[in-house]
Structures are given as C-alpha cells and as structure tokens.
Amino acid sequence: MNKYELAVVVSAKIEDDERAATIDKVKAYIERFGGTITNVDEWGKKRLAYEVQKMKEAFYYFIQFDAESTTPAEVESHVRIMENVIRYLCVKQDEA
C-alpha cells in the first residue's frame, strides 16, 4: 500500500450541503477503488492564485489515503468530470 494525498478545489458558488456531498462522493470513489481514507483536512474558503471559471475564491480539501498504485488513476478519472470540482491533484507521499 502506498500513501497518497488528493487535493480538491471545490467551487465557492455552491451551497454547503452540495459541497459536502461533492467531498463525500470523492471519498466514496477512493473507497470504491480500494483506498482507505486516513485523514480529511478542510482548509475552508481561500483566494485562488488566479481566476478560474470567473471565480476568485474556492474551498480547499486535502484527503490523505492508503491505496494500491492503480487507485489514483481511477479516482482522478472520476473526479475530472465532477461539475463542482475546479481543480484536483493527487500526489504520492514519501515514506520518510
């Protein structure tokens, strides 16, 4: 099992319950493809470095999980097409 971190930037234009549902859906994808979520870090609403889809702010989430090497590609393929997700990035964490 490898350790991964998925950064998800969610639109600030949606309601709180819809945003929570979006993150729950991302977590469900991780678990469906064999991952085990170890931590979810919500940073809240932050200013974007540059304007994306005419938005200057968005909500940041960092999800740490343990999974096999094929899981991140599967999760990314589903997160990519989610309407409320502006940006995402999945990285493998060092074992150090």
PDB file of N, CA and C in Angstrom:
ATOM      1  N   MET A   1       0.836  -1.193   0.000  1.00  0.00           N
ATOM      2  CA  MET A   1       0.000   0.000   0.000  1.00  0.00           C
ATOM      3  C   MET A   1       0.874   1.248   0.000  1.00  0.00           C
ATOM      4  N   ASN A   2       0.501   2.204  -0.817  1.00  0.00           N
ATOM      5  CA  ASN A   2       1.191   3.487  -0.889  1.00  0.00           C
ATOM      6  C   ASN A   2       0.337   4.558  -0.229  1.00  0.00           C
ATOM      7  N   LYS A   3       0.984   5.621   0.212  1.00  0.00           N
ATOM      8  CA  LYS A   3       0.276   6.750   0.813  1.00  0.00           C
ATOM      9  C   LYS A   3       0.130   7.840  -0.241  1.00  0.00           C
ATOM     10  N   TYR A   4      -1.093   8.382  -0.362  1.00  0.00           N
ATOM     11  CA  TYR A   4      -1.392   9.418  -1.334  1.00  0.00           C
ATOM     12  C   TYR A   4      -2.108  10.581  -0.665  1.00  0.00           C
ATOM     13  N   GLU A   5      -2.032  11.737  -1.321  1.00  0.00           N
ATOM     14  CA  GLU A   5      -2.800  12.889  -0.887  1.00  0.00           C
ATOM     15  C   GLU A   5      -3.497  13.474  -2.113  1.00  0.00           C
ATOM     16  N   LEU A   6      -4.795  13.656  -1.984  1.00  0.00           N
ATOM     17  CA  LEU A   6      -5.599  14.223  -3.060  1.00  0.00           C
ATOM     18  C   LEU A   6      -6.048  15.620  -2.642  1.00  0.00           C
ATOM     19  N   ALA A   7      -5.609  16.618  -3.388  1.00  0.00           N
ATOM     20  CA  ALA A   7      -6.053  17.995  -3.154  1.00  0.00           C
ATOM     21  C   ALA A   7      -7.225  18.266  -4.087  1.00  0.00           C
ATOM     22  N   VAL A   8      -8.319  18.758  -3.512  1.00  0.00           N
ATOM     23  CA  VAL A   8      -9.524  19.033  -4.291  1.00  0.00           C
ATOM     24  C   VAL A   8      -9.930  20.487  -4.045  1.00  0.00           C
ATOM     25  N   VAL A   9     -10.119  21.237  -5.122  1.00  0.00           N
ATOM     26  CA  VAL A   9     -10.570  22.623  -5.028  1.00  0.00           C
ATOM     27  C   VAL A   9     -12.012  22.652  -5.531  1.00  0.00           C
ATOM     28  N   VAL A  10     -12.932  23.016  -4.629  1.00  0.00           N
ATOM     29  CA  VAL A  10     -14.364  22.963  -4.918  1.00  0.00           C
ATOM     30  C   VAL A  10     -14.912  24.383  -5.086  1.00  0.00           C
ATOM     31  N   SER A  11     -15.831  24.543  -6.002  1.00  0.00           N
ATOM     32  CA  SER A  11     -16.439  25.835  -6.302  1.00  0.00           C
ATOM     33  C   SER A  11     -17.047  26.483  -5.063  1.00  0.00           C
ATOM     34  N   ALA A  12     -16.869  27.791  -4.939  1.00  0.00           N
ATOM     35  CA  ALA A  12     -17.449  28.538  -3.820  1.00  0.00           C
ATOM     36  C   ALA A  12     -18.874  28.995  -4.135  1.00  0.00           C
ATOM     37  N   LYS A  13     -19.336  28.756  -5.334  1.00  0.00           N
ATOM     38  CA  LYS A  13     -20.668  29.208  -5.750  1.00  0.00           C
ATOM     39  C   LYS A  13     -21.781  28.259  -5.326  1.00  0.00           C
ATOM     40  N   ILE A  14     -21.433  27.108  -4.775  1.00  0.00           N
ATOM     41  CA  ILE A  14     -22.462  26.126  -4.403  1.00  0.00           C
ATOM     42  C   ILE A  14     -22.748  26.204  -2.904  1.00  0.00           C
ATOM     43  N   GLU A  15     -23.877  25.630  -2.499  1.00  0.00           N
ATOM     44  CA  GLU A  15     -24.300  25.627  -1.097  1.00  0.00           C
ATOM     45  C   GLU A  15     -23.447  24.661  -0.273  1.00  0.00           C
ATOM     46  N   ASP A  16     -23.493  24.826   1.053  1.00  0.00           N
ATOM     47  CA  ASP A  16     -22.699  23.995   1.963  1.00  0.00           C
ATOM     48  C   ASP A  16     -23.028  22.509   1.831  1.00  0.00           C
ATOM     49  N   ASP A  17     -24.318  22.175   1.768  1.00  0.00           N
ATOM     50  CA  ASP A  17     -24.694  20.762   1.683  1.00  0.00           C
ATOM     51  C   ASP A  17     -24.273  20.142   0.360  1.00  0.00           C
ATOM     52  N   GLU A  18     -24.313  20.918  -0.713  1.00  0.00           N
ATOM     53  CA  GLU A  18     -23.886  20.417  -2.019  1.00  0.00           C
ATOM     54  C   GLU A  18     -22.363  20.209  -2.041  1.00  0.00           C
ATOM     55  N   ARG A  19     -21.635  21.108  -1.369  1.00  0.00           N
ATOM     56  CA  ARG A  19     -20.181  20.979  -1.278  1.00  0.00           C
ATOM     57  C   ARG A  19     -19.816  19.740  -0.466  1.00  0.00           C
ATOM     58  N   ALA A  20     -20.526  19.511   0.639  1.00  0.00           N
ATOM     59  CA  ALA A  20     -20.291  18.316   1.457  1.00  0.00           C
ATOM     60  C   ALA A  20     -20.590  17.045   0.659  1.00  0.00           C
ATOM     61  N   ALA A  21     -21.625  17.081  -0.145  1.00  0.00           N
ATOM     62  CA  ALA A  21     -21.974  15.925  -0.979  1.00  0.00           C
ATOM     63  C   ALA A  21     -20.893  15.655  -2.017  1.00  0.00           C
ATOM     64  N   THR A  22     -20.295  16.721  -2.553  1.00  0.00           N
ATOM     65  CA  THR A  22     -19.215  16.569  -3.531  1.00  0.00           C
ATOM     66  C   THR A  22     -18.020  15.875  -2.896  1.00  0.00           C
ATOM     67  N   ILE A  23     -17.630  16.300  -1.686  1.00  0.00           N
ATOM     68  CA  ILE A  23     -16.489  15.686  -0.997  1.00  0.00           C
ATOM     69  C   ILE A  23     -16.819  14.252  -0.598  1.00  0.00           C
ATOM     70  N   ASP A  24     -18.056  13.988  -0.174  1.00  0.00           N
ATOM     71  CA  ASP A  24     -18.459  12.618   0.149  1.00  0.00           C
ATOM     72  C   ASP A  24     -18.368  11.717  -1.073  1.00  0.00           C
ATOM     73  N   LYS A  25     -18.702  12.265  -2.233  1.00  0.00           N
ATOM     74  CA  LYS A  25     -18.623  11.497  -3.478  1.00  0.00           C
ATOM     75  C   LYS A  25     -17.169  11.164  -3.820  1.00  0.00           C
ATOM     76  N   VAL A  26     -16.271  12.141  -3.605  1.00  0.00           N
ATOM     77  CA  VAL A  26     -14.844  11.904  -3.846  1.00  0.00           C
ATOM     78  C   VAL A  26     -14.340  10.814  -2.905  1.00  0.00           C
ATOM     79  N   LYS A  27     -14.731  10.878  -1.628  1.00  0.00           N
ATOM     80  CA  LYS A  27     -14.318   9.862  -0.653  1.00  0.00           C
ATOM     81  C   LYS A  27     -14.872   8.489  -1.031  1.00  0.00           C
ATOM     82  N   ALA A  28     -16.096   8.460  -1.548  1.00  0.00           N
ATOM     83  CA  ALA A  28     -16.697   7.188  -1.969  1.00  0.00           C
ATOM     84  C   ALA A  28     -15.923   6.585  -3.142  1.00  0.00           C
ATOM     85  N   TYR A  29     -15.453   7.433  -4.071  1.00  0.00           N
ATOM     86  CA  TYR A  29     -14.639   6.938  -5.187  1.00  0.00           C
ATOM     87  C   TYR A  29     -13.347   6.313  -4.669  1.00  0.00           C
ATOM     88  N   ILE A  30     -12.706   6.964  -3.710  1.00  0.00           N
ATOM     89  CA  ILE A  30     -11.461   6.433  -3.143  1.00  0.00           C
ATOM     90  C   ILE A  30     -11.701   5.062  -2.534  1.00  0.00           C
ATOM     91  N   GLU A  31     -12.776   4.940  -1.758  1.00  0.00           N
ATOM     92  CA  GLU A  31     -13.078   3.664  -1.096  1.00  0.00           C
ATOM     93  C   GLU A  31     -13.528   2.604  -2.098  1.00  0.00           C
ATOM     94  N   ARG A  32     -14.257   3.009  -3.140  1.00  0.00           N
ATOM     95  CA  ARG A  32     -14.732   2.050  -4.140  1.00  0.00           C
ATOM     96  C   ARG A  32     -13.568   1.386  -4.877  1.00  0.00           C
ATOM     97  N   PHE A  33     -12.495   2.153  -5.112  1.00  0.00           N
ATOM     98  CA  PHE A  33     -11.352   1.618  -5.847  1.00  0.00           C
ATOM     99  C   PHE A  33     -10.264   1.074  -4.927  1.00  0.00           C
ATOM    100  N   GLY A  34     -10.620   0.746  -3.686  1.00  0.00           N
ATOM    101  CA  GLY A  34      -9.707   0.033  -2.807  1.00  0.00           C
ATOM    102  C   GLY A  34      -8.863   0.889  -1.884  1.00  0.00           C
ATOM    103  N   GLY A  35      -9.147   2.168  -1.787  1.00  0.00           N
ATOM    104  CA  GLY A  35      -8.377   3.042  -0.909  1.00  0.00           C
ATOM    105  C   GLY A  35      -8.954   3.097   0.490  1.00  0.00           C
ATOM    106  N   THR A  36      -8.113   3.436   1.450  1.00  0.00           N
ATOM    107  CA  THR A  36      -8.534   3.610   2.840  1.00  0.00           C
ATOM    108  C   THR A  36      -8.194   5.046   3.241  1.00  0.00           C
ATOM    109  N   ILE A  37      -9.209   5.836   3.536  1.00  0.00           N
ATOM    110  CA  ILE A  37      -9.003   7.238   3.887  1.00  0.00           C
ATOM    111  C   ILE A  37      -8.454   7.326   5.304  1.00  0.00           C
ATOM    112  N   THR A  38      -7.341   8.057   5.457  1.00  0.00           N
ATOM    113  CA  THR A  38      -6.718   8.206   6.770  1.00  0.00           C
ATOM    114  C   THR A  38      -6.979   9.573   7.380  1.00  0.00           C
ATOM    115  N   ASN A  39      -7.181  10.608   6.542  1.00  0.00           N
ATOM    116  CA  ASN A  39      -7.384  11.951   7.069  1.00  0.00           C
ATOM    117  C   ASN A  39      -8.023  12.838   6.004  1.00  0.00           C
ATOM    118  N   VAL A  40      -8.934  13.707   6.444  1.00  0.00           N
ATOM    119  CA  VAL A  40      -9.518  14.714   5.555  1.00  0.00           C
ATOM    120  C   VAL A  40      -9.283  16.067   6.210  1.00  0.00           C
ATOM    121  N   ASP A  41      -8.563  16.926   5.512  1.00  0.00           N
ATOM    122  CA  ASP A  41      -8.204  18.240   6.036  1.00  0.00           C
ATOM    123  C   ASP A  41      -8.942  19.300   5.231  1.00  0.00           C
ATOM    124  N   GLU A  42      -9.855  20.018   5.883  1.00  0.00           N
ATOM    125  CA  GLU A  42     -10.616  21.077   5.215  1.00  0.00           C
ATOM    126  C   GLU A  42      -9.985  22.420   5.535  1.00  0.00           C
ATOM    127  N   TRP A  43      -9.485  23.097   4.528  1.00  0.00           N
ATOM    128  CA  TRP A  43      -8.842  24.398   4.722  1.00  0.00           C
ATOM    129  C   TRP A  43      -9.838  25.539   4.656  1.00  0.00           C
ATOM    130  N   GLY A  44     -11.004  25.283   4.131  1.00  0.00           N
ATOM    131  CA  GLY A  44     -12.011  26.330   4.029  1.00  0.00           C
ATOM    132  C   GLY A  44     -11.876  27.151   2.761  1.00  0.00           C
ATOM    133  N   LYS A  45     -12.489  28.328   2.787  1.00  0.00           N
ATOM    134  CA  LYS A  45     -12.524  29.196   1.614  1.00  0.00           C
ATOM    135  C   LYS A  45     -11.232  30.014   1.543  1.00  0.00           C
ATOM    136  N   LYS A  46     -10.548  29.895   0.426  1.00  0.00           N
ATOM    137  CA  LYS A  46      -9.285  30.605   0.204  1.00  0.00           C
ATOM    138  C   LYS A  46      -9.334  31.321  -1.146  1.00  0.00           C
ATOM    139  N   ARG A  47      -8.532  32.347  -1.252  1.00  0.00           N
ATOM    140  CA  ARG A  47      -8.400  33.076  -2.507  1.00  0.00           C
ATOM    141  C   ARG A  47      -7.548  32.249  -3.478  1.00  0.00           C
ATOM    142  N   LEU A  48      -7.996  32.164  -4.718  1.00  0.00           N
ATOM    143  CA  LEU A  48      -7.251  31.448  -5.741  1.00  0.00           C
ATOM    144  C   LEU A  48      -6.067  32.292  -6.213  1.00  0.00           C
ATOM    145  N   ALA A  49      -5.019  31.650  -6.665  1.00  0.00           N
ATOM    146  CA  ALA A  49      -3.840  32.353  -7.165  1.00  0.00           C
ATOM    147  C   ALA A  49      -4.173  33.127  -8.443  1.00  0.00           C
ATOM    148  N   TYR A  50      -5.092  32.601  -9.223  1.00  0.00           N
ATOM    149  CA  TYR A  50      -5.551  33.272 -10.439  1.00  0.00           C
ATOM    150  C   TYR A  50      -7.009  32.896 -10.650  1.00  0.00           C
ATOM    151  N   GLU A  51      -7.701  33.691 -11.412  1.00  0.00           N
ATOM    152  CA  GLU A  51      -9.123  33.480 -11.633  1.00  0.00           C
ATOM    153  C   GLU A  51      -9.355  32.212 -12.459  1.00  0.00           C
ATOM    154  N   VAL A  52     -10.273  31.373 -11.979  1.00  0.00           N
ATOM    155  CA  VAL A  52     -10.616  30.131 -12.667  1.00  0.00           C
ATOM    156  C   VAL A  52     -12.125  30.118 -12.856  1.00  0.00           C
ATOM    157  N   GLN A  53     -12.577  29.975 -14.073  1.00  0.00           N
ATOM    158  CA  GLN A  53     -14.006  29.964 -14.399  1.00  0.00           C
ATOM    159  C   GLN A  53     -14.722  31.157 -13.769  1.00  0.00           C
ATOM    160  N   LYS A  54     -14.102  32.343 -13.855  1.00  0.00           N
ATOM    161  CA  LYS A  54     -14.622  33.597 -13.321  1.00  0.00           C
ATOM    162  C   LYS A  54     -14.827  33.577 -11.806  1.00  0.00           C
ATOM    163  N   MET A  55     -14.062  32.737 -11.095  1.00  0.00           N
ATOM    164  CA  MET A  55     -14.122  32.668  -9.640  1.00  0.00           C
ATOM    165  C   MET A  55     -12.783  33.105  -9.063  1.00  0.00           C
ATOM    166  N   LYS A  56     -12.839  33.862  -7.990  1.00  0.00           N
ATOM    167  CA  LYS A  56     -11.627  34.327  -7.330  1.00  0.00           C
ATOM    168  C   LYS A  56     -11.358  33.554  -6.038  1.00  0.00           C
ATOM    169  N   GLU A  57     -12.373  32.835  -5.520  1.00  0.00           N
ATOM    170  CA  GLU A  57     -12.238  32.065  -4.283  1.00  0.00           C
ATOM    171  C   GLU A  57     -12.808  30.669  -4.479  1.00  0.00           C
ATOM    172  N   ALA A  58     -12.325  29.728  -3.661  1.00  0.00           N
ATOM    173  CA  ALA A  58     -12.820  28.353  -3.702  1.00  0.00           C
ATOM    174  C   ALA A  58     -12.517  27.676  -2.368  1.00  0.00           C
ATOM    175  N   PHE A  59     -13.106  26.516  -2.162  1.00  0.00           N
ATOM    176  CA  PHE A  59     -12.886  25.742  -0.944  1.00  0.00           C
ATOM    177  C   PHE A  59     -11.838  24.661  -1.215  1.00  0.00           C
ATOM    178  N   TYR A  60     -10.891  24.541  -0.290  1.00  0.00           N
ATOM    179  CA  TYR A  60      -9.791  23.587  -0.432  1.00  0.00           C
ATOM    180  C   TYR A  60      -9.974  22.409   0.517  1.00  0.00           C
ATOM    181  N   TYR A  61      -9.756  21.199  -0.007  1.00  0.00           N
ATOM    182  CA  TYR A  61      -9.804  19.967   0.786  1.00  0.00           C
ATOM    183  C   TYR A  61      -8.576  19.131   0.445  1.00  0.00           C
ATOM    184  N   PHE A  62      -8.003  18.514   1.475  1.00  0.00           N
ATOM    185  CA  PHE A  62      -6.865  17.615   1.285  1.00  0.00           C
ATOM    186  C   PHE A  62      -7.232  16.275   1.912  1.00  0.00           C
ATOM    187  N   ILE A  63      -7.259  15.232   1.091  1.00  0.00           N
ATOM    188  CA  ILE A  63      -7.668  13.903   1.544  1.00  0.00           C
ATOM    189  C   ILE A  63      -6.466  12.974   1.462  1.00  0.00           C
ATOM    190  N   GLN A  64      -6.022  12.474   2.618  1.00  0.00           N
ATOM    191  CA  GLN A  64      -4.934  11.501   2.638  1.00  0.00           C
ATOM    192  C   GLN A  64      -5.546  10.098   2.658  1.00  0.00           C
ATOM    193  N   PHE A  65      -4.939   9.204   1.866  1.00  0.00           N
ATOM    194  CA  PHE A  65      -5.440   7.831   1.829  1.00  0.00           C
ATOM    195  C   PHE A  65      -4.330   6.854   1.477  1.00  0.00           C
ATOM    196  N   ASP A  66      -4.539   5.604   1.872  1.00  0.00           N
ATOM    197  CA  ASP A  66      -3.644   4.498   1.539  1.00  0.00           C
ATOM    198  C   ASP A  66      -4.323   3.691   0.442  1.00  0.00           C
ATOM    199  N   ALA A  67      -3.554   3.311  -0.587  1.00  0.00           N
ATOM    200  CA  ALA A  67      -4.147   2.570  -1.698  1.00  0.00           C
ATOM    201  C   ALA A  67      -3.067   1.910  -2.537  1.00  0.00           C
ATOM    202  N   GLU A  68      -3.510   1.032  -3.414  1.00  0.00           N
ATOM    203  CA  GLU A  68      -2.624   0.413  -4.392  1.00  0.00           C
ATOM    204  C   GLU A  68      -2.276   1.448  -5.463  1.00  0.00           C
ATOM    205  N   SER A  69      -1.293   1.145  -6.276  1.00  0.00           N
ATOM    206  CA  SER A  69      -0.794   2.120  -7.257  1.00  0.00           C
ATOM    207  C   SER A  69      -1.796   2.429  -8.374  1.00  0.00           C
ATOM    208  N   THR A  70      -2.800   1.597  -8.590  1.00  0.00           N
ATOM    209  CA  THR A  70      -3.770   1.844  -9.661  1.00  0.00           C
ATOM    210  C   THR A  70      -4.924   2.748  -9.215  1.00  0.00           C
ATOM    211  N   THR A  71      -5.120   2.901  -7.922  1.00  0.00           N
ATOM    212  CA  THR A  71      -6.259   3.649  -7.390  1.00  0.00           C
ATOM    213  C   THR A  71      -6.266   5.126  -7.784  1.00  0.00           C
ATOM    214  N   PRO A  72      -5.147   5.864  -7.671  1.00  0.00           N
ATOM    215  CA  PRO A  72      -5.204   7.288  -8.017  1.00  0.00           C
ATOM    216  C   PRO A  72      -5.685   7.573  -9.442  1.00  0.00           C
ATOM    217  N   ALA A  73      -5.272   6.782 -10.394  1.00  0.00           N
ATOM    218  CA  ALA A  73      -5.706   6.989 -11.779  1.00  0.00           C
ATOM    219  C   ALA A  73      -7.216   6.788 -11.911  1.00  0.00           C
ATOM    220  N   GLU A  74      -7.742   5.776 -11.232  1.00  0.00           N
ATOM    221  CA  GLU A  74      -9.185   5.509 -11.259  1.00  0.00           C
ATOM    222  C   GLU A  74      -9.958   6.664 -10.626  1.00  0.00           C
ATOM    223  N   VAL A  75      -9.482   7.129  -9.472  1.00  0.00           N
ATOM    224  CA  VAL A  75     -10.154   8.225  -8.762  1.00  0.00           C
ATOM    225  C   VAL A  75     -10.108   9.496  -9.603  1.00  0.00           C
ATOM    226  N   GLU A  76      -8.931   9.816 -10.166  1.00  0.00           N
ATOM    227  CA  GLU A  76      -8.787  11.021 -10.980  1.00  0.00           C
ATOM    228  C   GLU A  76      -9.708  11.000 -12.197  1.00  0.00           C
ATOM    229  N   SER A  77      -9.894   9.844 -12.802  1.00  0.00           N
ATOM    230  CA  SER A  77     -10.751   9.775 -13.982  1.00  0.00           C
ATOM    231  C   SER A  77     -12.197  10.134 -13.646  1.00  0.00           C
ATOM    232  N   HIS A  78     -12.621   9.889 -12.402  1.00  0.00           N
ATOM    233  CA  HIS A  78     -13.979  10.244 -11.984  1.00  0.00           C
ATOM    234  C   HIS A  78     -14.060  11.685 -11.461  1.00  0.00           C
ATOM    235  N   VAL A  79     -13.039  12.114 -10.729  1.00  0.00           N
ATOM    236  CA  VAL A  79     -13.027  13.477 -10.181  1.00  0.00           C
ATOM    237  C   VAL A  79     -12.927  14.496 -11.314  1.00  0.00           C
ATOM    238  N   ARG A  80     -12.217  14.142 -12.373  1.00  0.00           N
ATOM    239  CA  ARG A  80     -12.021  15.032 -13.519  1.00  0.00           C
ATOM    240  C   ARG A  80     -13.343  15.538 -14.094  1.00  0.00           C
ATOM    241  N   ILE A  81     -14.371  14.706 -14.104  1.00  0.00           N
ATOM    242  CA  ILE A  81     -15.635  15.073 -14.742  1.00  0.00           C
ATOM    243  C   ILE A  81     -16.678  15.591 -13.754  1.00  0.00           C
ATOM    244  N   MET A  82     -16.302  15.737 -12.490  1.00  0.00           N
ATOM    245  CA  MET A  82     -17.246  16.271 -11.498  1.00  0.00           C
ATOM    246  C   MET A  82     -17.437  17.767 -11.731  1.00  0.00           C
ATOM    247  N   GLU A  83     -18.675  18.180 -11.753  1.00  0.00           N
ATOM    248  CA  GLU A  83     -19.026  19.545 -12.114  1.00  0.00           C
ATOM    249  C   GLU A  83     -18.517  20.593 -11.122  1.00  0.00           C
ATOM    250  N   ASN A  84     -18.587  20.311  -9.831  1.00  0.00           N
ATOM    251  CA  ASN A  84     -18.242  21.304  -8.809  1.00  0.00           C
ATOM    252  C   ASN A  84     -16.759  21.344  -8.456  1.00  0.00           C
ATOM    253  N   VAL A  85     -15.973  20.422  -8.999  1.00  0.00           N
ATOM    254  CA  VAL A  85     -14.537  20.395  -8.727  1.00  0.00           C
ATOM    255  C   VAL A  85     -13.834  21.264  -9.780  1.00  0.00           C
ATOM    256  N   ILE A  86     -13.159  22.312  -9.284  1.00  0.00           N
ATOM    257  CA  ILE A  86     -12.468  23.226 -10.195  1.00  0.00           C
ATOM    258  C   ILE A  86     -11.111  22.654 -10.582  1.00  0.00           C
ATOM    259  N   ARG A  87     -10.347  22.240  -9.568  1.00  0.00           N
ATOM    260  CA  ARG A  87      -9.016  21.664  -9.765  1.00  0.00           C
ATOM    261  C   ARG A  87      -8.825  20.503  -8.797  1.00  0.00           C
ATOM    262  N   TYR A  88      -7.904  19.599  -9.151  1.00  0.00           N
ATOM    263  CA  TYR A  88      -7.551  18.483  -8.279  1.00  0.00           C
ATOM    264  C   TYR A  88      -6.112  18.089  -8.563  1.00  0.00           C
ATOM    265  N   LEU A  89      -5.489  17.453  -7.603  1.00  0.00           N
ATOM    266  CA  LEU A  89      -4.131  16.950  -7.785  1.00  0.00           C
ATOM    267  C   LEU A  89      -3.906  15.817  -6.801  1.00  0.00           C
ATOM    268  N   CYS A  90      -3.477  14.691  -7.304  1.00  0.00           N
ATOM    269  CA  CYS A  90      -3.180  13.544  -6.447  1.00  0.00           C
ATOM    270  C   CYS A  90      -1.679  13.286  -6.502  1.00  0.00           C
ATOM    271  N   VAL A  91      -1.041  13.247  -5.335  1.00  0.00           N
ATOM    272  CA  VAL A  91       0.403  13.013  -5.260  1.00  0.00           C
ATOM    273  C   VAL A  91       0.680  11.860  -4.304  1.00  0.00           C
ATOM    274  N   LYS A  92       1.762  11.153  -4.595  1.00  0.00           N
ATOM    275  CA  LYS A  92       2.215  10.086  -3.716  1.00  0.00           C
ATOM    276  C   LYS A  92       3.097  10.713  -2.634  1.00  0.00           C
ATOM    277  N   GLN A  93       2.827  10.356  -1.385  1.00  0.00           N
ATOM    278  CA  GLN A  93       3.600  10.900  -0.286  1.00  0.00           C
ATOM    279  C   GLN A  93       4.838  10.039  -0.041  1.00  0.00           C
ATOM    280  N   ASP A  94       5.914  10.680   0.374  1.00  0.00           N
ATOM    281  CA  ASP A  94       7.144   9.956   0.688  1.00  0.00           C
ATOM    282  C   ASP A  94       6.967   9.114   1.932  1.00  0.00           C
ATOM    283  N   GLU A  95       7.688   8.047   2.016  1.00  0.00           N
ATOM    284  CA  GLU A  95       7.607   7.148   3.165  1.00  0.00           C
ATOM    285  C   GLU A  95       8.398   7.691   4.361  1.00  0.00           C
ATOM    286  N   ALA A  96       9.177   8.732   4.151  1.00  0.00           N
ATOM    287  CA  ALA A  96      10.064   9.261   5.195  1.00  0.00           C
ATOM    288  C   ALA A  96       9.369   9.762   6.394  1.00  0.00           C
TER     289      ALA A  96
END
